[in-house]
């Protein structure tokens, strides 16, 4: 299980509930699902403040592939992978799959793909005006890699249209299990962006299962306890997949 954090997220903190301090990938999932190895992956995707890295999706994708290769170097290449992606990381996961389809050196990652769980991933794009204004104010009007990233994520962008086209062949050939969780509660900041995410966070393909979450975009992956409704749904699916594999 490879869980990938979202835009401006943290590999640990993005999955941890602020009230109970429970980080479900570490504190709950290993107890509820046996025979799995869980990895949490983070990358520098901050939109504001100092950053050592250029915020290019291509660079994030290349590093992600290398880190997966490194982490799986001691296991069989066909060992099944379940991806979990929150927000932007869902796009990162999809870009990784597309690159693995193109590059024969990495096709074993795609061949190992079993299933993907998306949380609030903007498959159809976002209305990024508010975010772009924030980045403009931060950069003093100068063009940065953050501007390019946001343009790629815009509603109706050519980047996302090309991604849909490339993915259609992957869905047809590999037929991974897909669940898309989408938020049904408005996030208190950058409202115009988040209001659209509930409609954008679905792939609209026949094999996709769609599940609403009664939380906002940030809190939808911060489960307070093992009794959380969304967490129980995640466990049911993951356990069923693992049982079918083993």
Protein backbone atom coordinates (compact mmCIF):
# COMPACT_ATOMS: atom_id res chain seq x y z
CA UNK A 1 0.00 0.00 0.00
CA UNK A 2 1.52 3.31 -1.12
CA UNK A 3 -0.23 6.38 0.29
CA UNK A 4 0.69 9.69 -1.34
CA UNK A 5 0.06 13.07 0.24
CA UNK A 6 -1.69 15.94 -1.52
CA UNK A 7 -0.92 19.54 -2.45
CA UNK A 8 1.23 21.22 0.20
CA UNK A 9 0.84 18.08 2.32
CA UNK A 10 3.04 16.15 4.72
CA UNK A 11 3.84 12.44 4.50
CA UNK A 12 2.73 11.90 8.11
CA UNK A 13 0.74 14.91 9.22
CA UNK A 14 -1.65 14.91 6.26
CA UNK A 15 -3.10 11.58 7.43
CA UNK A 16 -3.17 12.36 11.18
CA UNK A 17 -6.29 13.48 13.01
CA UNK A 18 -5.65 16.69 14.94
CA UNK A 19 -7.94 15.80 17.86
CA UNK A 20 -7.08 12.15 18.52
CA UNK A 21 -3.55 12.27 17.07
CA UNK A 22 -4.32 9.01 15.29
CA UNK A 23 -2.43 8.45 12.03
CA UNK A 24 -4.56 5.73 10.53
CA UNK A 25 -1.94 4.35 8.14
CA UNK A 26 0.28 3.58 11.14
CA UNK A 27 -2.07 3.24 14.08
CA UNK A 28 -5.14 1.54 12.61
CA UNK A 29 -4.80 -0.03 9.16
CA UNK A 30 -2.04 -2.56 10.08
CA UNK A 31 -4.31 -3.93 12.83
CA UNK A 32 -7.36 -4.24 10.59
CA UNK A 33 -5.72 -5.64 7.44
CA UNK A 34 -3.07 -8.34 7.63
CA UNK A 35 -0.26 -9.18 5.20
CA UNK A 36 0.33 -5.69 3.87
CA UNK A 37 3.27 -3.32 3.86
CA UNK A 38 2.27 0.34 4.16
CA UNK A 39 4.37 3.23 2.87
CA UNK A 40 3.57 6.93 3.12
CA UNK A 41 5.08 9.12 0.44
CA UNK A 42 5.58 12.89 0.60
CA UNK A 43 7.05 15.43 -1.78
CA UNK A 44 7.57 19.21 -1.84
CA UNK A 45 4.38 20.60 -3.38
CA UNK A 46 3.96 23.79 -1.36
CA UNK A 47 2.50 26.77 -3.19
CA UNK A 48 3.73 29.40 -0.75
CA UNK A 49 6.97 30.07 1.10
CA UNK A 50 10.51 28.97 0.43
CA UNK A 51 11.02 25.69 -1.36
CA UNK A 52 14.21 23.88 -2.28
CA UNK A 53 12.51 22.13 -5.17
CA UNK A 54 11.01 23.30 -8.44
CA UNK A 55 7.30 22.55 -8.31
CA UNK A 56 7.17 20.63 -11.60
CA UNK A 57 4.86 17.66 -11.83
CA UNK A 58 7.29 15.95 -14.20
CA UNK A 59 10.08 16.09 -11.62
CA UNK A 60 7.77 14.82 -8.88
CA UNK A 61 6.73 11.93 -11.13
CA UNK A 62 10.31 10.95 -11.95
CA UNK A 63 11.37 11.00 -8.30
CA UNK A 64 8.26 9.03 -7.34
CA UNK A 65 9.12 6.27 -9.80
CA UNK A 66 12.70 6.06 -8.53
CA UNK A 67 11.56 5.95 -4.90
CA UNK A 68 9.10 3.14 -5.67
CA UNK A 69 11.85 1.23 -7.47
CA UNK A 70 14.14 1.68 -4.45
CA UNK A 71 11.48 0.67 -1.93
CA UNK A 72 10.55 -2.46 -3.89
CA UNK A 73 14.06 -3.55 -4.81
CA UNK A 74 14.00 -6.40 -2.27
CA UNK A 75 10.57 -7.81 -3.18
CA UNK A 76 9.19 -9.58 -6.24
CA UNK A 77 8.39 -7.16 -9.03
CA UNK A 78 4.90 -8.59 -9.46
CA UNK A 79 3.95 -7.97 -5.83
CA UNK A 80 0.59 -6.14 -6.10
CA UNK A 81 0.38 -2.40 -5.40
CA UNK A 82 -2.55 -0.53 -3.91
CA UNK A 83 -2.20 3.23 -4.32
CA UNK A 84 -3.93 5.74 -2.06
CA UNK A 85 -3.89 9.34 -3.25
CA UNK A 86 -5.20 12.52 -1.67
CA UNK A 87 -5.87 15.62 -3.78
CA UNK A 88 -3.00 16.44 -6.21
CA UNK A 89 -1.26 13.15 -5.43
CA UNK A 90 -3.96 11.33 -7.36
CA UNK A 91 -2.77 13.20 -10.47
CA UNK A 92 0.81 12.29 -9.56
CA UNK A 93 -0.14 8.60 -9.33
CA UNK A 94 -1.87 8.75 -12.71
CA UNK A 95 1.12 10.47 -14.31
CA UNK A 96 3.33 7.73 -12.89
CA UNK A 97 1.14 5.06 -14.49
CA UNK A 98 1.26 6.84 -17.84
CA UNK A 99 5.05 7.06 -17.71
CA UNK A 100 5.29 3.37 -16.76
CA UNK A 101 3.18 2.56 -19.81
CA UNK A 102 5.58 4.54 -22.03
CA UNK A 103 8.85 3.38 -20.50
CA UNK A 104 9.56 -0.36 -20.68
CA UNK A 105 12.04 -0.10 -17.80
CA UNK A 106 9.17 0.65 -15.44
CA UNK A 107 6.32 -1.41 -16.89
CA UNK A 108 6.59 -3.85 -13.99
CA UNK A 109 5.14 -1.14 -11.70
CA UNK A 110 2.10 -0.84 -13.95
CA UNK A 111 1.84 -4.62 -14.20
CA UNK A 112 1.80 -4.79 -10.39
CA UNK A 113 -1.03 -2.24 -10.14
CA UNK A 114 -4.02 -3.77 -8.39
CA UNK A 115 -6.15 -0.87 -7.21
CA UNK A 116 -6.31 2.87 -6.52
CA UNK A 117 -8.17 4.81 -3.85
CA UNK A 118 -8.60 8.50 -4.64
CA UNK A 119 -9.55 11.11 -2.06
CA UNK A 120 -10.65 14.43 -3.54
CA UNK A 121 -8.45 14.19 -6.63
CA UNK A 122 -9.36 16.92 -9.18
CA UNK A 123 -9.58 14.64 -12.23
CA UNK A 124 -11.70 17.17 -14.13
CA UNK A 125 -9.62 20.15 -13.02
CA UNK A 126 -10.04 22.96 -10.51
CA UNK A 127 -11.09 26.58 -10.59
CA UNK A 128 -7.70 27.82 -9.51
CA UNK A 129 -8.19 31.59 -9.66
CA UNK A 130 -7.85 32.12 -5.91
CA UNK A 131 -4.75 29.94 -5.71
CA UNK A 132 -3.17 31.69 -8.68
CA UNK A 133 -3.76 35.07 -7.03
CA UNK A 134 -2.03 33.79 -3.88
CA UNK A 135 0.96 32.57 -5.90
CA UNK A 136 1.08 35.86 -7.84
CA UNK A 137 1.21 37.81 -4.59
CA UNK A 138 3.97 35.54 -3.28
CA UNK A 139 6.11 35.80 -6.43
CA UNK A 140 5.61 39.50 -7.02
CA UNK A 141 4.11 38.77 -10.42
CA UNK A 142 7.03 36.71 -11.72
CA UNK A 143 6.31 33.43 -13.52
CA UNK A 144 7.26 30.36 -11.45
CA UNK A 145 6.88 26.59 -11.70
CA UNK A 146 3.96 26.95 -9.27
CA UNK A 147 2.05 28.95 -11.87
CA UNK A 148 2.60 26.19 -14.44
CA UNK A 149 1.43 23.53 -11.99
CA UNK A 150 -1.80 25.43 -11.33
CA UNK A 151 -2.41 25.94 -15.06
CA UNK A 152 -2.09 22.17 -15.54
CA UNK A 153 -4.77 21.69 -12.90
CA UNK A 154 -7.19 24.23 -14.33
CA UNK A 155 -10.65 23.07 -15.29
CA UNK A 156 -10.56 21.92 -18.93
CA UNK A 157 -6.77 22.15 -19.28
CA UNK A 158 -5.08 20.44 -22.22
CA UNK A 159 -2.86 18.60 -19.74
CA UNK A 160 -5.85 16.93 -18.06
CA UNK A 161 -7.52 16.17 -21.40
CA UNK A 162 -4.36 14.41 -22.61
CA UNK A 163 -4.20 12.53 -19.32
CA UNK A 164 -7.73 11.17 -19.82
CA UNK A 165 -6.78 9.97 -23.29
CA UNK A 166 -3.61 8.25 -22.08
CA UNK A 167 -5.41 6.62 -19.17
CA UNK A 168 -8.16 5.13 -21.30
CA UNK A 169 -5.70 2.53 -22.62
CA UNK A 170 -4.50 1.72 -19.10
CA UNK A 171 -8.05 1.23 -17.77
CA UNK A 172 -8.85 -1.00 -20.74
CA UNK A 173 -5.74 -3.17 -20.49
CA UNK A 174 -5.07 -3.41 -16.74
CA UNK A 175 -8.57 -2.94 -15.28
CA UNK A 176 -7.51 -1.79 -11.79
CA UNK A 177 -10.05 -1.53 -8.98
CA UNK A 178 -10.86 2.16 -8.43
CA UNK A 179 -12.65 3.96 -5.63
CA UNK A 180 -13.11 7.73 -5.67
CA UNK A 181 -14.02 9.42 -2.40
CA UNK A 182 -15.28 12.99 -2.81
CA UNK A 183 -15.97 15.54 -0.09
CA UNK A 184 -19.48 16.80 0.59
CA UNK A 185 -18.52 19.52 3.12
CA UNK A 186 -17.10 22.87 2.04
CA UNK A 187 -13.53 23.62 3.07
CA UNK A 188 -13.34 26.91 5.03
CA UNK A 189 -10.49 28.38 2.94
CA UNK A 190 -10.32 29.04 -0.80
CA UNK A 191 -14.02 28.23 -1.09
CA UNK A 192 -14.42 28.61 -4.82
CA UNK A 193 -11.78 25.97 -5.40
CA UNK A 194 -13.19 23.42 -3.00
CA UNK A 195 -16.82 23.81 -4.05
CA UNK A 196 -15.90 22.48 -7.46
CA UNK A 197 -13.83 19.57 -6.21
CA UNK A 198 -16.85 17.48 -5.24
CA UNK A 199 -17.80 17.26 -8.94
CA UNK A 200 -14.25 17.08 -10.24
CA UNK A 201 -13.12 14.30 -7.89
CA UNK A 202 -14.68 11.56 -9.99
CA UNK A 203 -13.31 9.83 -13.07
CA UNK A 204 -16.73 8.94 -14.50
CA UNK A 205 -15.62 5.58 -15.85
CA UNK A 206 -17.82 2.45 -15.56
CA UNK A 207 -15.51 0.51 -13.23
CA UNK A 208 -15.17 3.33 -10.69
CA UNK A 209 -16.95 3.19 -7.32
CA UNK A 210 -17.87 6.66 -6.01
CA UNK A 211 -18.30 7.37 -2.31
CA UNK A 212 -19.18 10.73 -0.68
CA UNK A 213 -17.36 11.77 2.51
CA UNK A 214 -19.03 14.04 5.06
CA UNK A 215 -15.85 16.03 5.62
CA UNK A 216 -13.99 18.86 3.94
CA UNK A 217 -11.07 18.40 1.58
CA UNK A 218 -8.37 18.42 4.25
CA UNK A 219 -10.13 16.36 6.91
CA UNK A 220 -11.47 13.67 4.60
CA UNK A 221 -8.24 11.64 5.12
CA UNK A 222 -7.78 12.38 8.84
CA UNK A 223 -9.80 9.63 10.50
CA UNK A 224 -10.41 10.15 14.22
CA UNK A 225 -10.85 6.47 15.07
CA UNK A 226 -11.31 3.01 13.65
CA UNK A 227 -15.07 3.58 13.85
CA UNK A 228 -15.02 6.38 11.30
CA UNK A 229 -17.47 5.56 8.50
CA UNK A 230 -15.08 6.36 5.65
CA UNK A 231 -12.25 4.46 7.33
CA UNK A 232 -14.47 1.40 7.69
CA UNK A 233 -15.25 1.60 3.97
CA UNK A 234 -11.53 1.81 3.13
CA UNK A 235 -10.80 -1.20 5.35
CA UNK A 236 -13.60 -3.25 3.78
CA UNK A 237 -12.29 -2.73 0.29
CA UNK A 238 -8.59 -3.08 1.09
CA UNK A 239 -9.19 -6.23 3.15
CA UNK A 240 -11.26 -7.73 0.36
CA UNK A 241 -8.57 -6.97 -2.20
CA UNK A 242 -5.77 -8.37 -0.04
CA UNK A 243 -7.77 -11.53 0.75
CA UNK A 244 -8.40 -12.07 -2.97
CA UNK A 245 -4.67 -11.71 -3.71
CA UNK A 246 -3.37 -13.89 -0.91
